[in-house]
Amino acid sequence: MNNSLNLLFICSRNQWRSPTGEEIWKKRPGFNSRSAGTSPNARKTVGPADIRWADYIFVMEKKHKNRLLAEFTRMMDHKPLFVLDIPDEYKFMDPELIDELDSKVSEILDREVKT
């Protein structure tokens, strides 16, 4: 049985922030990660399969949350969704971005995942 948690990271264009989240969390034991974007121009656009797959969804900004709730209303009913408040001012794997993603996501998971 697979006890890994599935973490979905979402930003607008799936270029820098969400792929960085995916990259750093997929290397950790006990976690699977994916990333997607809310924009039609995203490298990978978020879809119903991503939402179903995810145990936890992390969005970079409130606008991403609003877009998910508008587009996947019913599917989002029982999905833990967290806004990380990480502005679009970083490049892929930027050390500051890694630190911010690591600390914010770790803090949320420590609080949410009761073992």
N, C-alpha and C. Protein backbone atom coordinates (compact mmCIF):
# COMPACT_ATOMS: atom_id res chain seq x y z
N MET A 1 0.84 -1.20 0.00
CA MET A 1 0.00 0.00 0.00
C MET A 1 0.87 1.25 0.00
N ASN A 2 0.48 2.22 -0.77
CA ASN A 2 1.26 3.45 -0.88
C ASN A 2 0.72 4.49 0.10
N ASN A 3 1.55 4.84 1.09
CA ASN A 3 1.12 5.82 2.08
C ASN A 3 1.65 7.21 1.79
N SER A 4 2.16 7.41 0.60
CA SER A 4 2.68 8.73 0.24
C SER A 4 1.55 9.73 0.09
N LEU A 5 1.85 10.97 0.43
CA LEU A 5 0.90 12.06 0.23
C LEU A 5 1.13 12.67 -1.15
N ASN A 6 0.04 12.97 -1.85
CA ASN A 6 0.13 13.59 -3.17
C ASN A 6 -0.06 15.10 -3.04
N LEU A 7 0.98 15.85 -3.39
CA LEU A 7 0.97 17.30 -3.28
C LEU A 7 0.91 17.92 -4.67
N LEU A 8 -0.07 18.79 -4.88
CA LEU A 8 -0.23 19.47 -6.16
C LEU A 8 0.10 20.95 -5.96
N PHE A 9 1.05 21.44 -6.75
CA PHE A 9 1.47 22.84 -6.70
C PHE A 9 0.95 23.56 -7.93
N ILE A 10 0.33 24.72 -7.71
CA ILE A 10 -0.30 25.45 -8.81
C ILE A 10 0.11 26.92 -8.80
N CYS A 11 0.50 27.40 -9.99
CA CYS A 11 0.69 28.83 -10.20
C CYS A 11 -0.02 29.18 -11.51
N SER A 12 0.35 30.26 -12.14
CA SER A 12 -0.37 30.66 -13.36
C SER A 12 0.07 29.88 -14.58
N ARG A 13 1.36 29.97 -14.91
CA ARG A 13 1.82 29.41 -16.18
C ARG A 13 2.65 28.14 -16.01
N ASN A 14 2.78 27.65 -14.78
CA ASN A 14 3.51 26.41 -14.52
C ASN A 14 4.93 26.50 -15.09
N GLN A 15 5.57 27.64 -14.85
CA GLN A 15 6.92 27.83 -15.37
C GLN A 15 7.96 27.82 -14.27
N TRP A 16 7.72 28.54 -13.17
CA TRP A 16 8.76 28.73 -12.18
C TRP A 16 8.35 28.30 -10.78
N ARG A 17 7.28 28.86 -10.27
CA ARG A 17 6.94 28.59 -8.86
C ARG A 17 6.44 27.17 -8.64
N SER A 18 5.38 26.77 -9.36
CA SER A 18 4.84 25.42 -9.11
C SER A 18 5.81 24.30 -9.51
N PRO A 19 6.56 24.41 -10.63
CA PRO A 19 7.53 23.35 -10.92
C PRO A 19 8.63 23.25 -9.86
N THR A 20 8.98 24.38 -9.24
CA THR A 20 9.97 24.35 -8.15
C THR A 20 9.40 23.58 -6.97
N GLY A 21 8.13 23.84 -6.63
CA GLY A 21 7.49 23.08 -5.55
C GLY A 21 7.48 21.60 -5.86
N GLU A 22 7.11 21.26 -7.09
CA GLU A 22 7.09 19.85 -7.50
C GLU A 22 8.48 19.23 -7.36
N GLU A 23 9.48 19.93 -7.83
CA GLU A 23 10.85 19.42 -7.84
C GLU A 23 11.36 19.15 -6.43
N ILE A 24 11.17 20.10 -5.52
CA ILE A 24 11.75 19.90 -4.18
C ILE A 24 10.98 18.85 -3.37
N TRP A 25 9.66 18.74 -3.57
CA TRP A 25 8.89 17.78 -2.78
C TRP A 25 8.92 16.37 -3.35
N LYS A 26 9.19 16.22 -4.64
CA LYS A 26 9.21 14.86 -5.20
C LYS A 26 10.45 14.09 -4.75
N LYS A 27 11.44 14.79 -4.25
CA LYS A 27 12.67 14.15 -3.79
C LYS A 27 12.56 13.66 -2.35
N ARG A 28 11.47 13.98 -1.69
CA ARG A 28 11.33 13.63 -0.28
C ARG A 28 10.55 12.34 -0.10
N PRO A 29 11.02 11.49 0.79
CA PRO A 29 10.29 10.24 1.04
C PRO A 29 8.91 10.53 1.61
N GLY A 30 7.93 9.78 1.15
CA GLY A 30 6.58 9.93 1.67
C GLY A 30 5.73 10.93 0.90
N PHE A 31 6.30 11.48 -0.16
CA PHE A 31 5.55 12.47 -0.93
C PHE A 31 5.66 12.20 -2.43
N ASN A 32 4.55 12.43 -3.13
CA ASN A 32 4.53 12.50 -4.58
C ASN A 32 4.13 13.93 -4.90
N SER A 33 4.65 14.48 -5.97
CA SER A 33 4.25 15.85 -6.29
C SER A 33 4.06 16.04 -7.79
N ARG A 34 3.18 16.97 -8.08
CA ARG A 34 2.90 17.39 -9.45
C ARG A 34 2.76 18.90 -9.43
N SER A 35 2.85 19.49 -10.61
CA SER A 35 2.58 20.93 -10.71
C SER A 35 1.76 21.20 -11.97
N ALA A 36 1.06 22.31 -11.93
CA ALA A 36 0.23 22.70 -13.07
C ALA A 36 -0.03 24.20 -12.96
N GLY A 37 -0.64 24.74 -14.02
CA GLY A 37 -0.96 26.16 -14.04
C GLY A 37 -2.43 26.37 -14.32
N THR A 38 -2.91 27.55 -13.94
CA THR A 38 -4.33 27.88 -14.16
C THR A 38 -4.55 28.55 -15.50
N SER A 39 -3.50 29.06 -16.11
CA SER A 39 -3.64 29.77 -17.39
C SER A 39 -3.79 28.80 -18.55
N PRO A 40 -4.59 29.17 -19.56
CA PRO A 40 -4.67 28.32 -20.76
C PRO A 40 -3.30 28.21 -21.45
N ASN A 41 -2.41 29.17 -21.18
CA ASN A 41 -1.06 29.15 -21.77
C ASN A 41 -0.04 28.44 -20.89
N ALA A 42 -0.50 27.78 -19.84
CA ALA A 42 0.43 27.10 -18.93
C ALA A 42 1.15 25.96 -19.65
N ARG A 43 2.35 25.67 -19.17
CA ARG A 43 3.12 24.55 -19.70
C ARG A 43 2.31 23.27 -19.53
N LYS A 44 1.69 23.11 -18.37
CA LYS A 44 0.74 22.03 -18.13
C LYS A 44 -0.45 22.65 -17.40
N THR A 45 -1.62 22.60 -18.00
CA THR A 45 -2.81 23.21 -17.40
C THR A 45 -3.46 22.22 -16.44
N VAL A 46 -3.86 22.73 -15.28
CA VAL A 46 -4.49 21.87 -14.27
C VAL A 46 -5.80 21.31 -14.81
N GLY A 47 -6.05 20.04 -14.52
CA GLY A 47 -7.27 19.40 -15.00
C GLY A 47 -7.90 18.55 -13.91
N PRO A 48 -9.06 17.97 -14.19
CA PRO A 48 -9.77 17.16 -13.19
C PRO A 48 -8.94 16.01 -12.64
N ALA A 49 -8.12 15.38 -13.46
CA ALA A 49 -7.30 14.26 -12.99
C ALA A 49 -6.31 14.72 -11.92
N ASP A 50 -5.77 15.93 -12.08
CA ASP A 50 -4.83 16.47 -11.09
C ASP A 50 -5.53 16.70 -9.75
N ILE A 51 -6.73 17.26 -9.83
CA ILE A 51 -7.49 17.54 -8.61
C ILE A 51 -7.83 16.23 -7.89
N ARG A 52 -8.30 15.24 -8.64
CA ARG A 52 -8.63 13.94 -8.03
C ARG A 52 -7.40 13.30 -7.39
N TRP A 53 -6.27 13.41 -8.05
CA TRP A 53 -5.02 12.79 -7.58
C TRP A 53 -4.52 13.40 -6.27
N ALA A 54 -4.71 14.71 -6.10
CA ALA A 54 -4.08 15.46 -5.00
C ALA A 54 -4.72 15.19 -3.64
N ASP A 55 -3.85 15.01 -2.63
CA ASP A 55 -4.31 15.00 -1.24
C ASP A 55 -4.32 16.42 -0.69
N TYR A 56 -3.35 17.21 -1.11
CA TYR A 56 -3.22 18.61 -0.70
C TYR A 56 -2.90 19.44 -1.92
N ILE A 57 -3.54 20.60 -2.01
CA ILE A 57 -3.30 21.50 -3.13
C ILE A 57 -2.74 22.81 -2.58
N PHE A 58 -1.61 23.22 -3.16
CA PHE A 58 -0.96 24.46 -2.76
C PHE A 58 -0.95 25.41 -3.95
N VAL A 59 -1.56 26.57 -3.77
CA VAL A 59 -1.56 27.59 -4.82
C VAL A 59 -0.67 28.74 -4.37
N MET A 60 -0.09 29.43 -5.32
CA MET A 60 0.86 30.49 -4.99
C MET A 60 0.16 31.79 -4.58
N GLU A 61 -1.02 32.06 -5.19
CA GLU A 61 -1.72 33.31 -4.92
C GLU A 61 -3.22 33.05 -4.81
N LYS A 62 -3.92 34.01 -4.19
CA LYS A 62 -5.37 33.88 -4.00
C LYS A 62 -6.11 33.75 -5.34
N LYS A 63 -5.61 34.41 -6.39
CA LYS A 63 -6.28 34.33 -7.69
C LYS A 63 -6.29 32.89 -8.21
N HIS A 64 -5.27 32.11 -7.88
CA HIS A 64 -5.23 30.70 -8.31
C HIS A 64 -6.30 29.90 -7.57
N LYS A 65 -6.46 30.19 -6.29
CA LYS A 65 -7.51 29.52 -5.51
C LYS A 65 -8.87 29.84 -6.11
N ASN A 66 -9.11 31.11 -6.39
CA ASN A 66 -10.40 31.52 -6.95
C ASN A 66 -10.67 30.83 -8.28
N ARG A 67 -9.65 30.71 -9.10
CA ARG A 67 -9.82 30.08 -10.40
C ARG A 67 -10.15 28.59 -10.24
N LEU A 68 -9.47 27.92 -9.32
CA LEU A 68 -9.75 26.50 -9.07
C LEU A 68 -11.18 26.30 -8.57
N LEU A 69 -11.57 27.15 -7.62
CA LEU A 69 -12.91 27.02 -7.06
C LEU A 69 -13.98 27.29 -8.11
N ALA A 70 -13.70 28.21 -9.02
CA ALA A 70 -14.67 28.51 -10.08
C ALA A 70 -14.74 27.38 -11.10
N GLU A 71 -13.60 26.81 -11.44
CA GLU A 71 -13.56 25.82 -12.51
C GLU A 71 -13.88 24.39 -12.03
N PHE A 72 -13.51 24.08 -10.80
CA PHE A 72 -13.67 22.71 -10.28
C PHE A 72 -14.48 22.71 -8.99
N THR A 73 -15.57 23.47 -8.98
CA THR A 73 -16.33 23.72 -7.76
C THR A 73 -16.62 22.45 -6.96
N ARG A 74 -17.29 21.48 -7.57
CA ARG A 74 -17.68 20.27 -6.84
C ARG A 74 -16.47 19.45 -6.41
N MET A 75 -15.49 19.35 -7.28
CA MET A 75 -14.31 18.55 -6.97
C MET A 75 -13.51 19.13 -5.81
N MET A 76 -13.59 20.44 -5.62
CA MET A 76 -12.80 21.10 -4.59
C MET A 76 -13.44 21.03 -3.21
N ASP A 77 -14.69 20.53 -3.16
CA ASP A 77 -15.43 20.52 -1.90
C ASP A 77 -14.65 19.93 -0.72
N HIS A 78 -13.97 18.85 -0.94
CA HIS A 78 -13.30 18.18 0.19
C HIS A 78 -11.80 18.11 0.01
N LYS A 79 -11.26 19.03 -0.76
CA LYS A 79 -9.82 19.06 -1.00
C LYS A 79 -9.17 20.13 -0.14
N PRO A 80 -8.18 19.77 0.66
CA PRO A 80 -7.44 20.79 1.42
C PRO A 80 -6.67 21.69 0.44
N LEU A 81 -6.97 22.97 0.49
CA LEU A 81 -6.40 23.95 -0.44
C LEU A 81 -5.76 25.08 0.36
N PHE A 82 -4.51 25.39 0.05
CA PHE A 82 -3.77 26.39 0.81
C PHE A 82 -3.15 27.42 -0.12
N VAL A 83 -3.30 28.69 0.25
CA VAL A 83 -2.68 29.79 -0.49
C VAL A 83 -1.35 30.11 0.18
N LEU A 84 -0.26 30.00 -0.57
CA LEU A 84 1.08 30.21 0.00
C LEU A 84 1.53 31.66 -0.02
N ASP A 85 0.81 32.52 -0.76
CA ASP A 85 1.19 33.94 -0.88
C ASP A 85 2.64 34.11 -1.33
N ILE A 86 2.98 33.47 -2.42
CA ILE A 86 4.31 33.60 -2.99
C ILE A 86 4.17 34.35 -4.32
N PRO A 87 4.68 35.59 -4.37
CA PRO A 87 4.52 36.40 -5.59
C PRO A 87 5.32 35.85 -6.76
N ASP A 88 4.93 36.27 -7.94
CA ASP A 88 5.57 35.81 -9.18
C ASP A 88 6.83 36.63 -9.45
N GLU A 89 7.83 36.45 -8.59
CA GLU A 89 9.07 37.23 -8.78
C GLU A 89 10.30 36.35 -8.65
N TYR A 90 10.14 35.07 -8.89
CA TYR A 90 11.26 34.15 -8.79
C TYR A 90 11.42 33.36 -10.07
N LYS A 91 12.61 32.87 -10.29
CA LYS A 91 12.87 31.94 -11.40
C LYS A 91 12.84 30.51 -10.85
N PHE A 92 12.83 29.53 -11.75
CA PHE A 92 12.81 28.12 -11.37
C PHE A 92 14.01 27.79 -10.48
N MET A 93 13.72 27.13 -9.36
CA MET A 93 14.71 26.67 -8.39
C MET A 93 15.53 27.82 -7.76
N ASP A 94 14.98 29.03 -7.73
CA ASP A 94 15.60 30.16 -7.05
C ASP A 94 15.76 29.78 -5.56
N PRO A 95 16.95 29.96 -4.97
CA PRO A 95 17.15 29.55 -3.57
C PRO A 95 16.14 30.16 -2.59
N GLU A 96 15.78 31.44 -2.81
CA GLU A 96 14.77 32.08 -1.94
C GLU A 96 13.41 31.41 -2.10
N LEU A 97 13.06 31.08 -3.32
CA LEU A 97 11.79 30.40 -3.60
C LEU A 97 11.78 29.03 -2.94
N ILE A 98 12.88 28.31 -3.05
CA ILE A 98 12.98 26.99 -2.41
C ILE A 98 12.77 27.12 -0.91
N ASP A 99 13.44 28.10 -0.28
CA ASP A 99 13.29 28.30 1.17
C ASP A 99 11.85 28.61 1.54
N GLU A 100 11.23 29.49 0.75
CA GLU A 100 9.85 29.89 1.04
C GLU A 100 8.88 28.71 0.88
N LEU A 101 9.01 27.98 -0.21
CA LEU A 101 8.16 26.80 -0.43
C LEU A 101 8.38 25.77 0.65
N ASP A 102 9.62 25.52 0.98
CA ASP A 102 9.96 24.52 1.99
C ASP A 102 9.35 24.88 3.34
N SER A 103 9.56 26.09 3.80
CA SER A 103 9.07 26.46 5.13
C SER A 103 7.55 26.54 5.19
N LYS A 104 6.92 27.15 4.19
CA LYS A 104 5.46 27.29 4.22
C LYS A 104 4.75 25.96 4.08
N VAL A 105 5.18 25.12 3.13
CA VAL A 105 4.53 23.83 2.93
C VAL A 105 4.79 22.91 4.12
N SER A 106 6.01 22.90 4.63
CA SER A 106 6.34 22.07 5.80
C SER A 106 5.48 22.45 7.00
N GLU A 107 5.32 23.75 7.22
CA GLU A 107 4.52 24.24 8.34
C GLU A 107 3.06 23.78 8.20
N ILE A 108 2.51 23.90 7.01
CA ILE A 108 1.12 23.48 6.77
C ILE A 108 0.99 21.97 6.98
N LEU A 109 1.91 21.21 6.39
CA LEU A 109 1.82 19.75 6.52
C LEU A 109 2.01 19.29 7.96
N ASP A 110 2.90 19.92 8.70
CA ASP A 110 3.09 19.58 10.11
C ASP A 110 1.80 19.79 10.88
N ARG A 111 1.08 20.86 10.54
CA ARG A 111 -0.17 21.19 11.22
C ARG A 111 -1.31 20.27 10.78
N GLU A 112 -1.34 19.96 9.49
CA GLU A 112 -2.47 19.22 8.90
C GLU A 112 -2.38 17.70 9.05
N VAL A 113 -1.19 17.17 8.91
CA VAL A 113 -1.02 15.72 8.87
C VAL A 113 -0.80 15.22 10.28
N LYS A 114 -1.86 14.74 10.85
CA LYS A 114 -1.79 14.19 12.22
C LYS A 114 -1.45 12.72 12.11
N THR A 115 -0.32 12.35 12.67
CA THR A 115 0.08 10.93 12.56
C THR A 115 -0.36 10.15 13.77
